[in-house]
N, C-alpha and C. Protein backbone atom coordinates (compact mmCIF):
# COMPACT_ATOMS: atom_id res chain seq x y z
N MET A 1 -13.61 -11.71 -0.07
CA MET A 1 -14.44 -10.57 0.27
C MET A 1 -14.36 -9.53 -0.84
N LEU A 2 -15.51 -9.06 -1.25
CA LEU A 2 -15.59 -8.03 -2.29
C LEU A 2 -16.13 -6.76 -1.65
N VAL A 3 -15.32 -5.69 -1.66
CA VAL A 3 -15.70 -4.43 -1.03
C VAL A 3 -16.36 -3.53 -2.07
N ALA A 4 -17.66 -3.30 -1.87
CA ALA A 4 -18.44 -2.50 -2.81
C ALA A 4 -19.24 -1.44 -2.06
N ALA A 5 -18.61 -0.86 -1.03
CA ALA A 5 -19.36 0.04 -0.15
C ALA A 5 -18.98 1.51 -0.31
N GLY A 6 -18.13 1.83 -1.28
CA GLY A 6 -17.71 3.22 -1.44
C GLY A 6 -18.84 4.11 -1.95
N SER A 7 -18.74 5.39 -1.66
CA SER A 7 -19.77 6.34 -2.08
C SER A 7 -19.54 6.86 -3.49
N GLY A 8 -18.33 6.65 -4.03
CA GLY A 8 -18.03 7.11 -5.39
C GLY A 8 -18.03 8.62 -5.53
N THR A 9 -17.44 9.33 -4.56
CA THR A 9 -17.46 10.79 -4.56
C THR A 9 -16.82 11.36 -5.82
N ARG A 10 -15.63 10.87 -6.17
CA ARG A 10 -14.94 11.40 -7.36
C ARG A 10 -15.61 10.95 -8.65
N PHE A 11 -16.31 9.83 -8.58
CA PHE A 11 -16.97 9.27 -9.77
C PHE A 11 -18.31 9.96 -10.02
N GLY A 12 -18.96 10.39 -8.93
CA GLY A 12 -20.25 11.06 -9.06
C GLY A 12 -21.44 10.23 -8.63
N GLU A 13 -21.23 8.94 -8.37
CA GLU A 13 -22.27 8.03 -7.89
C GLU A 13 -21.57 6.75 -7.45
N PRO A 14 -22.25 5.88 -6.71
CA PRO A 14 -21.62 4.61 -6.32
C PRO A 14 -21.19 3.81 -7.55
N LYS A 15 -19.89 3.54 -7.65
CA LYS A 15 -19.37 2.89 -8.86
C LYS A 15 -19.82 1.45 -8.98
N HIS A 16 -19.94 0.77 -7.86
CA HIS A 16 -20.17 -0.67 -7.91
C HIS A 16 -21.45 -1.06 -8.64
N ALA A 17 -22.42 -0.13 -8.74
CA ALA A 17 -23.70 -0.44 -9.36
C ALA A 17 -23.76 -0.07 -10.84
N VAL A 18 -22.72 0.56 -11.36
CA VAL A 18 -22.73 0.99 -12.76
C VAL A 18 -22.77 -0.22 -13.68
N ASP A 19 -23.56 -0.12 -14.74
CA ASP A 19 -23.70 -1.22 -15.69
C ASP A 19 -22.45 -1.34 -16.56
N LEU A 20 -21.91 -2.56 -16.60
CA LEU A 20 -20.79 -2.87 -17.49
C LEU A 20 -21.17 -4.07 -18.34
N LEU A 21 -21.48 -3.82 -19.57
CA LEU A 21 -21.81 -4.89 -20.51
C LEU A 21 -22.93 -5.78 -19.99
N GLY A 22 -23.94 -5.14 -19.40
CA GLY A 22 -25.12 -5.88 -19.00
C GLY A 22 -25.17 -6.39 -17.58
N ARG A 23 -24.17 -6.10 -16.79
CA ARG A 23 -24.21 -6.50 -15.38
C ARG A 23 -23.54 -5.43 -14.52
N PRO A 24 -23.92 -5.32 -13.25
CA PRO A 24 -23.30 -4.29 -12.41
C PRO A 24 -21.81 -4.58 -12.20
N MET A 25 -21.06 -3.53 -12.00
CA MET A 25 -19.62 -3.63 -11.88
C MET A 25 -19.19 -4.67 -10.85
N TRP A 26 -19.86 -4.71 -9.70
CA TRP A 26 -19.41 -5.60 -8.62
C TRP A 26 -19.50 -7.07 -9.01
N GLU A 27 -20.41 -7.42 -9.89
CA GLU A 27 -20.57 -8.83 -10.26
C GLU A 27 -19.37 -9.37 -11.04
N TRP A 28 -18.68 -8.50 -11.77
CA TRP A 28 -17.49 -8.94 -12.49
C TRP A 28 -16.41 -9.42 -11.52
N GLY A 29 -16.19 -8.66 -10.45
CA GLY A 29 -15.19 -9.06 -9.46
C GLY A 29 -15.57 -10.33 -8.75
N ARG A 30 -16.83 -10.46 -8.42
CA ARG A 30 -17.28 -11.68 -7.74
C ARG A 30 -17.06 -12.91 -8.61
N GLN A 31 -17.39 -12.78 -9.89
CA GLN A 31 -17.22 -13.91 -10.81
C GLN A 31 -15.74 -14.31 -10.93
N ALA A 32 -14.86 -13.31 -11.02
CA ALA A 32 -13.43 -13.59 -11.16
C ALA A 32 -12.86 -14.25 -9.91
N LEU A 33 -13.31 -13.82 -8.73
CA LEU A 33 -12.84 -14.44 -7.49
C LEU A 33 -13.21 -15.92 -7.45
N ILE A 34 -14.44 -16.24 -7.80
CA ILE A 34 -14.88 -17.63 -7.78
C ILE A 34 -14.14 -18.45 -8.84
N ALA A 35 -13.99 -17.87 -10.04
CA ALA A 35 -13.28 -18.58 -11.11
C ALA A 35 -11.82 -18.82 -10.76
N GLY A 36 -11.25 -17.96 -9.91
CA GLY A 36 -9.85 -18.10 -9.52
C GLY A 36 -9.62 -19.06 -8.37
N GLY A 37 -10.71 -19.58 -7.77
CA GLY A 37 -10.54 -20.58 -6.72
C GLY A 37 -11.05 -20.19 -5.35
N VAL A 38 -11.68 -19.02 -5.21
CA VAL A 38 -12.25 -18.63 -3.92
C VAL A 38 -13.51 -19.45 -3.66
N ALA A 39 -13.63 -20.00 -2.46
CA ALA A 39 -14.74 -20.90 -2.16
C ALA A 39 -16.06 -20.16 -1.99
N ASP A 40 -16.02 -18.98 -1.39
CA ASP A 40 -17.25 -18.22 -1.15
C ASP A 40 -16.89 -16.74 -1.11
N VAL A 41 -17.83 -15.89 -1.48
CA VAL A 41 -17.57 -14.45 -1.53
C VAL A 41 -18.57 -13.71 -0.66
N VAL A 42 -18.06 -12.95 0.30
CA VAL A 42 -18.87 -12.03 1.09
C VAL A 42 -18.78 -10.67 0.39
N VAL A 43 -19.92 -10.13 0.00
CA VAL A 43 -19.93 -8.82 -0.64
C VAL A 43 -20.33 -7.78 0.40
N VAL A 44 -19.52 -6.76 0.56
CA VAL A 44 -19.81 -5.69 1.51
C VAL A 44 -20.27 -4.47 0.73
N GLY A 45 -21.53 -4.10 0.92
CA GLY A 45 -22.06 -2.95 0.21
C GLY A 45 -23.55 -3.10 -0.04
N ASP A 46 -24.11 -2.08 -0.63
CA ASP A 46 -25.54 -2.04 -0.91
C ASP A 46 -25.84 -2.78 -2.21
N VAL A 47 -25.77 -4.11 -2.12
CA VAL A 47 -26.06 -4.99 -3.25
C VAL A 47 -26.95 -6.12 -2.73
N PRO A 48 -27.64 -6.83 -3.61
CA PRO A 48 -28.47 -7.95 -3.15
C PRO A 48 -27.64 -8.97 -2.36
N GLY A 49 -28.07 -9.23 -1.13
CA GLY A 49 -27.36 -10.18 -0.28
C GLY A 49 -26.11 -9.64 0.36
N GLY A 50 -25.83 -8.35 0.17
CA GLY A 50 -24.60 -7.77 0.69
C GLY A 50 -24.67 -7.44 2.16
N VAL A 51 -23.50 -7.28 2.77
CA VAL A 51 -23.36 -6.87 4.16
C VAL A 51 -23.18 -5.35 4.18
N PRO A 52 -23.88 -4.61 5.03
CA PRO A 52 -23.70 -3.16 5.08
C PRO A 52 -22.26 -2.77 5.39
N GLY A 53 -21.75 -1.78 4.68
CA GLY A 53 -20.40 -1.30 4.91
C GLY A 53 -20.35 -0.24 5.99
N GLY A 54 -19.17 0.37 6.14
CA GLY A 54 -18.98 1.40 7.16
C GLY A 54 -18.50 2.70 6.54
N PRO A 55 -18.26 3.72 7.37
CA PRO A 55 -17.86 5.03 6.84
C PRO A 55 -16.48 5.04 6.20
N ARG A 56 -15.59 4.17 6.68
CA ARG A 56 -14.25 4.08 6.10
C ARG A 56 -14.07 2.72 5.45
N ARG A 57 -13.09 2.63 4.56
CA ARG A 57 -12.84 1.35 3.89
C ARG A 57 -12.55 0.26 4.91
N ARG A 58 -11.71 0.58 5.89
CA ARG A 58 -11.34 -0.43 6.88
C ARG A 58 -12.55 -0.88 7.69
N ASP A 59 -13.53 0.01 7.89
CA ASP A 59 -14.76 -0.38 8.59
C ASP A 59 -15.56 -1.37 7.76
N SER A 60 -15.57 -1.17 6.46
CA SER A 60 -16.27 -2.09 5.57
C SER A 60 -15.60 -3.45 5.56
N VAL A 61 -14.27 -3.46 5.54
CA VAL A 61 -13.53 -4.73 5.58
C VAL A 61 -13.79 -5.43 6.91
N ALA A 62 -13.82 -4.68 7.99
CA ALA A 62 -14.10 -5.28 9.30
C ALA A 62 -15.49 -5.92 9.32
N ALA A 63 -16.46 -5.26 8.67
CA ALA A 63 -17.82 -5.82 8.59
C ALA A 63 -17.81 -7.13 7.82
N GLY A 64 -17.01 -7.18 6.75
CA GLY A 64 -16.89 -8.42 5.99
C GLY A 64 -16.18 -9.50 6.78
N LEU A 65 -15.14 -9.13 7.51
CA LEU A 65 -14.41 -10.09 8.33
C LEU A 65 -15.31 -10.75 9.37
N ALA A 66 -16.24 -9.98 9.89
CA ALA A 66 -17.16 -10.52 10.90
C ALA A 66 -18.04 -11.62 10.32
N MET A 67 -18.15 -11.68 8.99
CA MET A 67 -18.98 -12.70 8.35
C MET A 67 -18.17 -13.92 7.92
N VAL A 68 -16.86 -13.88 8.09
CA VAL A 68 -16.02 -15.02 7.71
C VAL A 68 -16.14 -16.10 8.78
N PRO A 69 -16.56 -17.30 8.41
CA PRO A 69 -16.80 -18.35 9.42
C PRO A 69 -15.53 -18.76 10.15
N ALA A 70 -15.69 -19.22 11.37
CA ALA A 70 -14.58 -19.75 12.15
C ALA A 70 -13.98 -20.93 11.41
N GLY A 71 -12.66 -21.05 11.49
CA GLY A 71 -11.99 -22.16 10.83
C GLY A 71 -11.44 -21.83 9.46
N VAL A 72 -11.90 -20.72 8.86
CA VAL A 72 -11.35 -20.29 7.57
C VAL A 72 -9.95 -19.73 7.80
N GLU A 73 -8.98 -20.20 7.05
CA GLU A 73 -7.59 -19.79 7.26
C GLU A 73 -7.18 -18.57 6.47
N HIS A 74 -7.71 -18.42 5.27
CA HIS A 74 -7.28 -17.34 4.38
C HIS A 74 -8.47 -16.54 3.87
N VAL A 75 -8.20 -15.27 3.61
CA VAL A 75 -9.23 -14.40 3.02
C VAL A 75 -8.58 -13.49 2.00
N LEU A 76 -9.29 -13.27 0.91
CA LEU A 76 -8.87 -12.29 -0.09
C LEU A 76 -9.80 -11.08 0.01
N VAL A 77 -9.23 -9.91 -0.14
CA VAL A 77 -10.01 -8.67 -0.12
C VAL A 77 -9.81 -7.98 -1.46
N HIS A 78 -10.92 -7.78 -2.18
CA HIS A 78 -10.85 -7.18 -3.51
C HIS A 78 -11.79 -5.99 -3.61
N ASP A 79 -11.34 -4.95 -4.30
CA ASP A 79 -12.16 -3.76 -4.53
C ASP A 79 -13.08 -3.99 -5.73
N ALA A 80 -14.37 -3.76 -5.55
CA ALA A 80 -15.32 -3.91 -6.65
C ALA A 80 -15.02 -2.94 -7.78
N ALA A 81 -14.27 -1.89 -7.49
CA ALA A 81 -13.92 -0.91 -8.52
C ALA A 81 -12.83 -1.41 -9.46
N ARG A 82 -12.40 -2.67 -9.30
CA ARG A 82 -11.45 -3.30 -10.22
C ARG A 82 -12.16 -4.46 -10.91
N PRO A 83 -13.07 -4.19 -11.85
CA PRO A 83 -13.87 -5.24 -12.45
C PRO A 83 -13.15 -6.10 -13.48
N ALA A 84 -11.98 -5.65 -13.96
CA ALA A 84 -11.26 -6.41 -14.98
C ALA A 84 -10.30 -7.43 -14.37
N LEU A 85 -10.53 -7.78 -13.13
CA LEU A 85 -9.73 -8.80 -12.45
C LEU A 85 -9.76 -10.11 -13.23
N SER A 86 -8.61 -10.78 -13.31
CA SER A 86 -8.54 -12.07 -13.98
C SER A 86 -8.49 -13.19 -12.95
N SER A 87 -9.01 -14.34 -13.33
CA SER A 87 -8.96 -15.51 -12.44
C SER A 87 -7.52 -15.95 -12.21
N GLU A 88 -6.64 -15.69 -13.19
CA GLU A 88 -5.23 -16.07 -13.04
C GLU A 88 -4.56 -15.29 -11.92
N LEU A 89 -4.88 -14.01 -11.79
CA LEU A 89 -4.30 -13.21 -10.71
C LEU A 89 -4.82 -13.70 -9.36
N VAL A 90 -6.11 -14.01 -9.29
CA VAL A 90 -6.67 -14.56 -8.04
C VAL A 90 -5.91 -15.83 -7.65
N ALA A 91 -5.67 -16.71 -8.61
CA ALA A 91 -4.98 -17.96 -8.34
C ALA A 91 -3.55 -17.73 -7.85
N ARG A 92 -2.87 -16.71 -8.37
CA ARG A 92 -1.50 -16.40 -7.93
C ARG A 92 -1.49 -15.98 -6.47
N VAL A 93 -2.45 -15.15 -6.09
CA VAL A 93 -2.52 -14.70 -4.69
C VAL A 93 -2.80 -15.88 -3.77
N ILE A 94 -3.73 -16.73 -4.16
CA ILE A 94 -4.08 -17.90 -3.35
C ILE A 94 -2.86 -18.82 -3.20
N SER A 95 -2.14 -19.05 -4.28
CA SER A 95 -0.97 -19.93 -4.26
C SER A 95 0.08 -19.41 -3.29
N ALA A 96 0.32 -18.10 -3.29
CA ALA A 96 1.31 -17.52 -2.37
C ALA A 96 0.87 -17.67 -0.92
N LEU A 97 -0.43 -17.53 -0.67
CA LEU A 97 -0.94 -17.73 0.68
C LEU A 97 -0.74 -19.17 1.12
N GLU A 98 -0.99 -20.11 0.23
CA GLU A 98 -0.87 -21.53 0.57
C GLU A 98 0.58 -21.93 0.82
N GLU A 99 1.52 -21.12 0.33
CA GLU A 99 2.94 -21.38 0.58
C GLU A 99 3.39 -20.84 1.93
N GLY A 100 2.48 -20.19 2.66
CA GLY A 100 2.79 -19.78 4.03
C GLY A 100 2.91 -18.29 4.28
N ALA A 101 2.65 -17.46 3.29
CA ALA A 101 2.75 -16.02 3.50
C ALA A 101 1.66 -15.52 4.44
N ASP A 102 1.99 -14.50 5.24
CA ASP A 102 0.99 -13.87 6.11
C ASP A 102 0.06 -12.97 5.31
N ALA A 103 0.64 -12.25 4.36
CA ALA A 103 -0.14 -11.32 3.53
C ALA A 103 0.50 -11.25 2.15
N VAL A 104 -0.34 -11.13 1.14
CA VAL A 104 0.13 -11.12 -0.25
C VAL A 104 -0.56 -9.99 -1.00
N VAL A 105 0.24 -9.23 -1.77
CA VAL A 105 -0.34 -8.16 -2.58
C VAL A 105 0.16 -8.29 -4.02
N PRO A 106 -0.73 -8.12 -5.01
CA PRO A 106 -0.27 -8.05 -6.39
C PRO A 106 0.39 -6.70 -6.62
N ALA A 107 1.51 -6.71 -7.34
CA ALA A 107 2.24 -5.47 -7.58
C ALA A 107 2.67 -5.37 -9.03
N VAL A 108 2.63 -4.16 -9.56
CA VAL A 108 3.10 -3.89 -10.92
C VAL A 108 4.16 -2.80 -10.85
N PRO A 109 5.13 -2.85 -11.75
CA PRO A 109 6.20 -1.84 -11.73
C PRO A 109 5.67 -0.45 -12.03
N VAL A 110 6.36 0.54 -11.49
CA VAL A 110 6.06 1.94 -11.85
C VAL A 110 6.74 2.20 -13.18
N ARG A 111 5.97 2.53 -14.19
CA ARG A 111 6.52 2.68 -15.54
C ARG A 111 6.89 4.12 -15.88
N ASP A 112 6.20 5.05 -15.28
CA ASP A 112 6.43 6.46 -15.62
C ASP A 112 7.45 7.09 -14.68
N THR A 113 8.09 8.14 -15.13
CA THR A 113 8.96 8.91 -14.27
C THR A 113 8.13 9.61 -13.21
N LEU A 114 8.63 9.61 -11.98
CA LEU A 114 7.93 10.23 -10.87
C LEU A 114 8.59 11.55 -10.50
N LYS A 115 7.78 12.59 -10.34
CA LYS A 115 8.27 13.90 -9.95
C LYS A 115 7.65 14.33 -8.63
N ALA A 116 8.44 14.91 -7.76
CA ALA A 116 7.91 15.56 -6.56
C ALA A 116 7.60 17.00 -6.94
N VAL A 117 6.41 17.47 -6.54
CA VAL A 117 6.01 18.83 -6.89
C VAL A 117 5.57 19.59 -5.65
N ARG A 118 5.69 20.90 -5.73
CA ARG A 118 5.14 21.80 -4.72
C ARG A 118 4.23 22.75 -5.48
N GLY A 119 2.91 22.54 -5.32
CA GLY A 119 1.97 23.28 -6.17
C GLY A 119 2.10 22.74 -7.58
N SER A 120 2.47 23.62 -8.51
CA SER A 120 2.67 23.20 -9.90
C SER A 120 4.14 23.17 -10.29
N VAL A 121 5.02 23.35 -9.31
CA VAL A 121 6.46 23.43 -9.59
C VAL A 121 7.14 22.11 -9.23
N VAL A 122 7.90 21.56 -10.16
CA VAL A 122 8.66 20.34 -9.91
C VAL A 122 9.84 20.67 -9.00
N VAL A 123 9.97 19.90 -7.90
CA VAL A 123 11.06 20.15 -6.96
C VAL A 123 12.05 18.98 -6.91
N GLY A 124 11.78 17.93 -7.70
CA GLY A 124 12.72 16.82 -7.73
C GLY A 124 12.17 15.63 -8.48
N THR A 125 13.06 14.73 -8.84
CA THR A 125 12.70 13.48 -9.49
C THR A 125 12.86 12.36 -8.47
N VAL A 126 11.85 11.53 -8.37
CA VAL A 126 11.84 10.44 -7.39
C VAL A 126 12.42 9.19 -8.03
N ASP A 127 13.35 8.56 -7.32
CA ASP A 127 13.93 7.30 -7.79
C ASP A 127 12.85 6.22 -7.73
N ARG A 128 12.47 5.67 -8.88
CA ARG A 128 11.39 4.69 -8.90
C ARG A 128 11.87 3.25 -8.72
N SER A 129 13.19 3.04 -8.64
CA SER A 129 13.68 1.68 -8.41
C SER A 129 13.24 1.25 -7.01
N GLY A 130 12.70 0.07 -6.91
CA GLY A 130 12.20 -0.41 -5.63
C GLY A 130 10.78 0.02 -5.32
N LEU A 131 10.16 0.77 -6.23
CA LEU A 131 8.77 1.19 -6.04
C LEU A 131 7.85 0.35 -6.92
N VAL A 132 6.70 0.00 -6.39
CA VAL A 132 5.69 -0.72 -7.16
C VAL A 132 4.32 -0.11 -6.87
N MET A 133 3.38 -0.36 -7.76
CA MET A 133 1.99 0.01 -7.54
C MET A 133 1.25 -1.25 -7.13
N VAL A 134 0.47 -1.14 -6.07
CA VAL A 134 -0.19 -2.31 -5.48
C VAL A 134 -1.66 -2.34 -5.88
N GLN A 135 -2.15 -3.56 -6.14
CA GLN A 135 -3.52 -3.77 -6.56
C GLN A 135 -4.27 -4.64 -5.52
N THR A 136 -5.49 -4.95 -5.84
CA THR A 136 -6.23 -5.99 -5.14
C THR A 136 -6.60 -7.04 -6.19
N PRO A 137 -6.87 -8.28 -5.78
CA PRO A 137 -7.14 -8.75 -4.42
C PRO A 137 -5.85 -8.91 -3.61
N GLN A 138 -5.95 -8.52 -2.34
CA GLN A 138 -4.88 -8.77 -1.40
C GLN A 138 -5.30 -9.96 -0.54
N GLY A 139 -4.35 -10.84 -0.29
CA GLY A 139 -4.65 -12.05 0.47
C GLY A 139 -4.02 -12.02 1.85
N PHE A 140 -4.71 -12.65 2.81
CA PHE A 140 -4.24 -12.62 4.20
C PHE A 140 -4.55 -13.93 4.90
N ARG A 141 -3.69 -14.28 5.85
CA ARG A 141 -4.13 -15.24 6.86
C ARG A 141 -5.17 -14.51 7.70
N VAL A 142 -6.31 -15.13 7.89
CA VAL A 142 -7.42 -14.45 8.56
C VAL A 142 -7.01 -13.93 9.93
N GLU A 143 -6.26 -14.73 10.68
CA GLU A 143 -5.87 -14.30 12.03
C GLU A 143 -4.97 -13.07 11.98
N VAL A 144 -4.15 -12.97 10.95
CA VAL A 144 -3.26 -11.81 10.80
C VAL A 144 -4.08 -10.55 10.49
N LEU A 145 -5.04 -10.68 9.58
CA LEU A 145 -5.85 -9.50 9.22
C LEU A 145 -6.72 -9.07 10.40
N ARG A 146 -7.28 -10.02 11.12
CA ARG A 146 -8.07 -9.66 12.32
C ARG A 146 -7.19 -8.92 13.32
N ALA A 147 -5.99 -9.42 13.56
CA ALA A 147 -5.08 -8.80 14.52
C ALA A 147 -4.70 -7.39 14.07
N ALA A 148 -4.50 -7.20 12.77
CA ALA A 148 -4.13 -5.88 12.25
C ALA A 148 -5.25 -4.88 12.47
N HIS A 149 -6.49 -5.33 12.34
CA HIS A 149 -7.63 -4.44 12.56
C HIS A 149 -7.78 -4.08 14.03
N VAL A 150 -7.39 -4.99 14.91
CA VAL A 150 -7.48 -4.73 16.34
C VAL A 150 -6.33 -3.85 16.81
N ALA A 151 -5.16 -4.01 16.18
CA ALA A 151 -3.95 -3.34 16.65
C ALA A 151 -4.02 -1.82 16.52
N SER A 152 -4.76 -1.33 15.53
CA SER A 152 -4.80 0.11 15.30
C SER A 152 -6.14 0.52 14.72
N ASP A 153 -6.58 1.73 15.06
CA ASP A 153 -7.80 2.26 14.48
C ASP A 153 -7.50 3.25 13.36
N ASP A 154 -6.21 3.37 13.01
CA ASP A 154 -5.84 4.28 11.93
C ASP A 154 -6.45 3.81 10.62
N ASP A 155 -6.75 4.76 9.75
CA ASP A 155 -7.25 4.40 8.43
C ASP A 155 -6.07 4.02 7.55
N ALA A 156 -6.35 3.28 6.51
CA ALA A 156 -5.30 2.89 5.56
C ALA A 156 -5.94 2.78 4.18
N THR A 157 -5.14 3.05 3.15
CA THR A 157 -5.67 2.95 1.79
C THR A 157 -5.80 1.50 1.35
N ASP A 158 -5.11 0.59 2.03
CA ASP A 158 -5.30 -0.83 1.76
C ASP A 158 -5.05 -1.61 3.04
N ASP A 159 -5.51 -2.85 3.06
CA ASP A 159 -5.39 -3.65 4.27
C ASP A 159 -3.97 -4.09 4.54
N ALA A 160 -3.16 -4.23 3.50
CA ALA A 160 -1.76 -4.57 3.70
C ALA A 160 -1.06 -3.50 4.54
N GLY A 161 -1.52 -2.24 4.41
CA GLY A 161 -0.94 -1.17 5.22
C GLY A 161 -1.16 -1.38 6.70
N LEU A 162 -2.30 -1.95 7.07
CA LEU A 162 -2.58 -2.24 8.48
C LEU A 162 -1.67 -3.36 8.97
N VAL A 163 -1.44 -4.36 8.12
CA VAL A 163 -0.53 -5.45 8.50
C VAL A 163 0.89 -4.92 8.66
N GLU A 164 1.32 -4.07 7.72
CA GLU A 164 2.65 -3.46 7.83
C GLU A 164 2.78 -2.68 9.13
N ALA A 165 1.74 -1.91 9.48
CA ALA A 165 1.80 -1.03 10.65
C ALA A 165 2.01 -1.81 11.94
N MET A 166 1.55 -3.06 11.98
CA MET A 166 1.75 -3.85 13.20
C MET A 166 3.00 -4.73 13.11
N GLY A 167 3.80 -4.50 12.05
CA GLY A 167 5.06 -5.23 11.92
C GLY A 167 4.95 -6.54 11.18
N GLY A 168 3.81 -6.79 10.54
CA GLY A 168 3.63 -8.03 9.80
C GLY A 168 4.39 -8.04 8.50
N SER A 169 4.55 -9.23 7.94
CA SER A 169 5.28 -9.41 6.70
C SER A 169 4.31 -9.48 5.52
N VAL A 170 4.60 -8.70 4.48
CA VAL A 170 3.77 -8.68 3.29
C VAL A 170 4.66 -9.01 2.09
N VAL A 171 4.25 -9.98 1.27
CA VAL A 171 5.00 -10.34 0.08
C VAL A 171 4.20 -9.97 -1.17
N THR A 172 4.89 -9.86 -2.29
CA THR A 172 4.24 -9.49 -3.53
C THR A 172 4.19 -10.67 -4.51
N VAL A 173 3.20 -10.64 -5.37
CA VAL A 173 3.15 -11.49 -6.56
C VAL A 173 2.96 -10.58 -7.75
N ALA A 174 3.22 -11.09 -8.93
CA ALA A 174 3.06 -10.27 -10.13
C ALA A 174 1.61 -9.84 -10.29
N GLY A 175 1.40 -8.55 -10.40
CA GLY A 175 0.07 -8.02 -10.64
C GLY A 175 -0.26 -8.06 -12.12
N ASP A 176 -1.31 -7.36 -12.50
CA ASP A 176 -1.78 -7.36 -13.88
C ASP A 176 -2.08 -5.92 -14.28
N PRO A 177 -1.37 -5.38 -15.27
CA PRO A 177 -1.63 -3.99 -15.69
C PRO A 177 -3.07 -3.76 -16.15
N ARG A 178 -3.76 -4.84 -16.54
CA ARG A 178 -5.16 -4.70 -16.99
C ARG A 178 -6.14 -4.63 -15.82
N ASN A 179 -5.66 -4.89 -14.62
CA ASN A 179 -6.50 -4.87 -13.43
C ASN A 179 -6.65 -3.44 -12.91
N VAL A 180 -7.19 -2.58 -13.76
CA VAL A 180 -7.24 -1.15 -13.47
C VAL A 180 -8.39 -0.82 -12.52
N LYS A 181 -8.21 0.24 -11.78
CA LYS A 181 -9.23 0.69 -10.84
C LYS A 181 -10.05 1.81 -11.46
N VAL A 182 -11.36 1.69 -11.38
CA VAL A 182 -12.25 2.73 -11.88
C VAL A 182 -12.35 3.82 -10.79
N THR A 183 -11.83 4.98 -11.12
CA THR A 183 -11.90 6.13 -10.20
C THR A 183 -12.73 7.24 -10.80
N PHE A 184 -12.51 7.51 -12.08
CA PHE A 184 -13.23 8.57 -12.79
C PHE A 184 -14.06 7.96 -13.93
N ARG A 185 -15.00 8.71 -14.44
CA ARG A 185 -15.90 8.19 -15.48
C ARG A 185 -15.15 7.76 -16.73
N GLU A 186 -14.08 8.46 -17.05
CA GLU A 186 -13.33 8.08 -18.26
C GLU A 186 -12.69 6.70 -18.13
N ASP A 187 -12.52 6.22 -16.90
CA ASP A 187 -11.96 4.88 -16.70
C ASP A 187 -12.91 3.79 -17.18
N LEU A 188 -14.20 4.11 -17.27
CA LEU A 188 -15.18 3.11 -17.70
C LEU A 188 -14.90 2.61 -19.11
N GLU A 189 -14.47 3.49 -19.98
CA GLU A 189 -14.20 3.07 -21.36
C GLU A 189 -13.05 2.07 -21.41
N ILE A 190 -12.08 2.25 -20.54
CA ILE A 190 -10.95 1.32 -20.49
C ILE A 190 -11.42 -0.06 -20.06
N VAL A 191 -12.18 -0.13 -18.95
CA VAL A 191 -12.60 -1.44 -18.46
C VAL A 191 -13.63 -2.08 -19.38
N ARG A 192 -14.47 -1.28 -20.03
CA ARG A 192 -15.41 -1.86 -20.99
C ARG A 192 -14.65 -2.53 -22.13
N SER A 193 -13.59 -1.90 -22.58
CA SER A 193 -12.79 -2.50 -23.66
C SER A 193 -12.13 -3.78 -23.19
N LEU A 194 -11.59 -3.76 -21.97
CA LEU A 194 -10.92 -4.95 -21.44
C LEU A 194 -11.90 -6.10 -21.26
N LEU A 195 -13.05 -5.81 -20.71
CA LEU A 195 -14.05 -6.86 -20.46
C LEU A 195 -14.68 -7.35 -21.78
N GLY A 196 -14.87 -6.44 -22.72
CA GLY A 196 -15.43 -6.84 -24.00
C GLY A 196 -14.48 -7.74 -24.77
N TYR A 197 -13.18 -7.48 -24.66
CA TYR A 197 -12.18 -8.31 -25.32
C TYR A 197 -12.15 -9.71 -24.71
N ARG A 198 -12.38 -9.78 -23.39
CA ARG A 198 -12.30 -11.07 -22.69
C ARG A 198 -13.46 -11.98 -23.03
N ARG A 199 -14.60 -11.40 -23.44
CA ARG A 199 -15.80 -12.20 -23.72
C ARG A 199 -15.57 -13.20 -24.86
């Protein structure tokens, strides 16, 4: 599943439709998912052939889940705002799912020092040992993700958070520092460089 339904408030327009080297941003993620071994991709968002999304991210994922055929055991959920996704990362997530994990998230180490602040004043240094930054695609047993969506109507910044909230087990695989998320316009130059190098 490729989630491309965000409004792009901080970006200034819907990010998924922005041109990246001759194709819209969302198409890069779709291509990487298929190249990594995903059998079919449901795109949620205002794109050709897409499924309409919802007001919250979890609503958009639920709309995509409703399109997953009966009998499918696993689903990957990827943000279209991460167009530099590699097929190798997709394959790692799939492999961990096939080994029996309920939910899988790519994770990268926190490299910078973390500070707790109040306003503009530093009030402490956060121990970064044991902390990781989580990316997409996140992989799930379909029945686990469906149950997580039913268990709570709370919003979450990622679907793994919903699985955690219901007591489910989430494991990590090595993420990719190049799998950056486009949030602001200046991020476009980074992903254009990454995608141009890959060509």
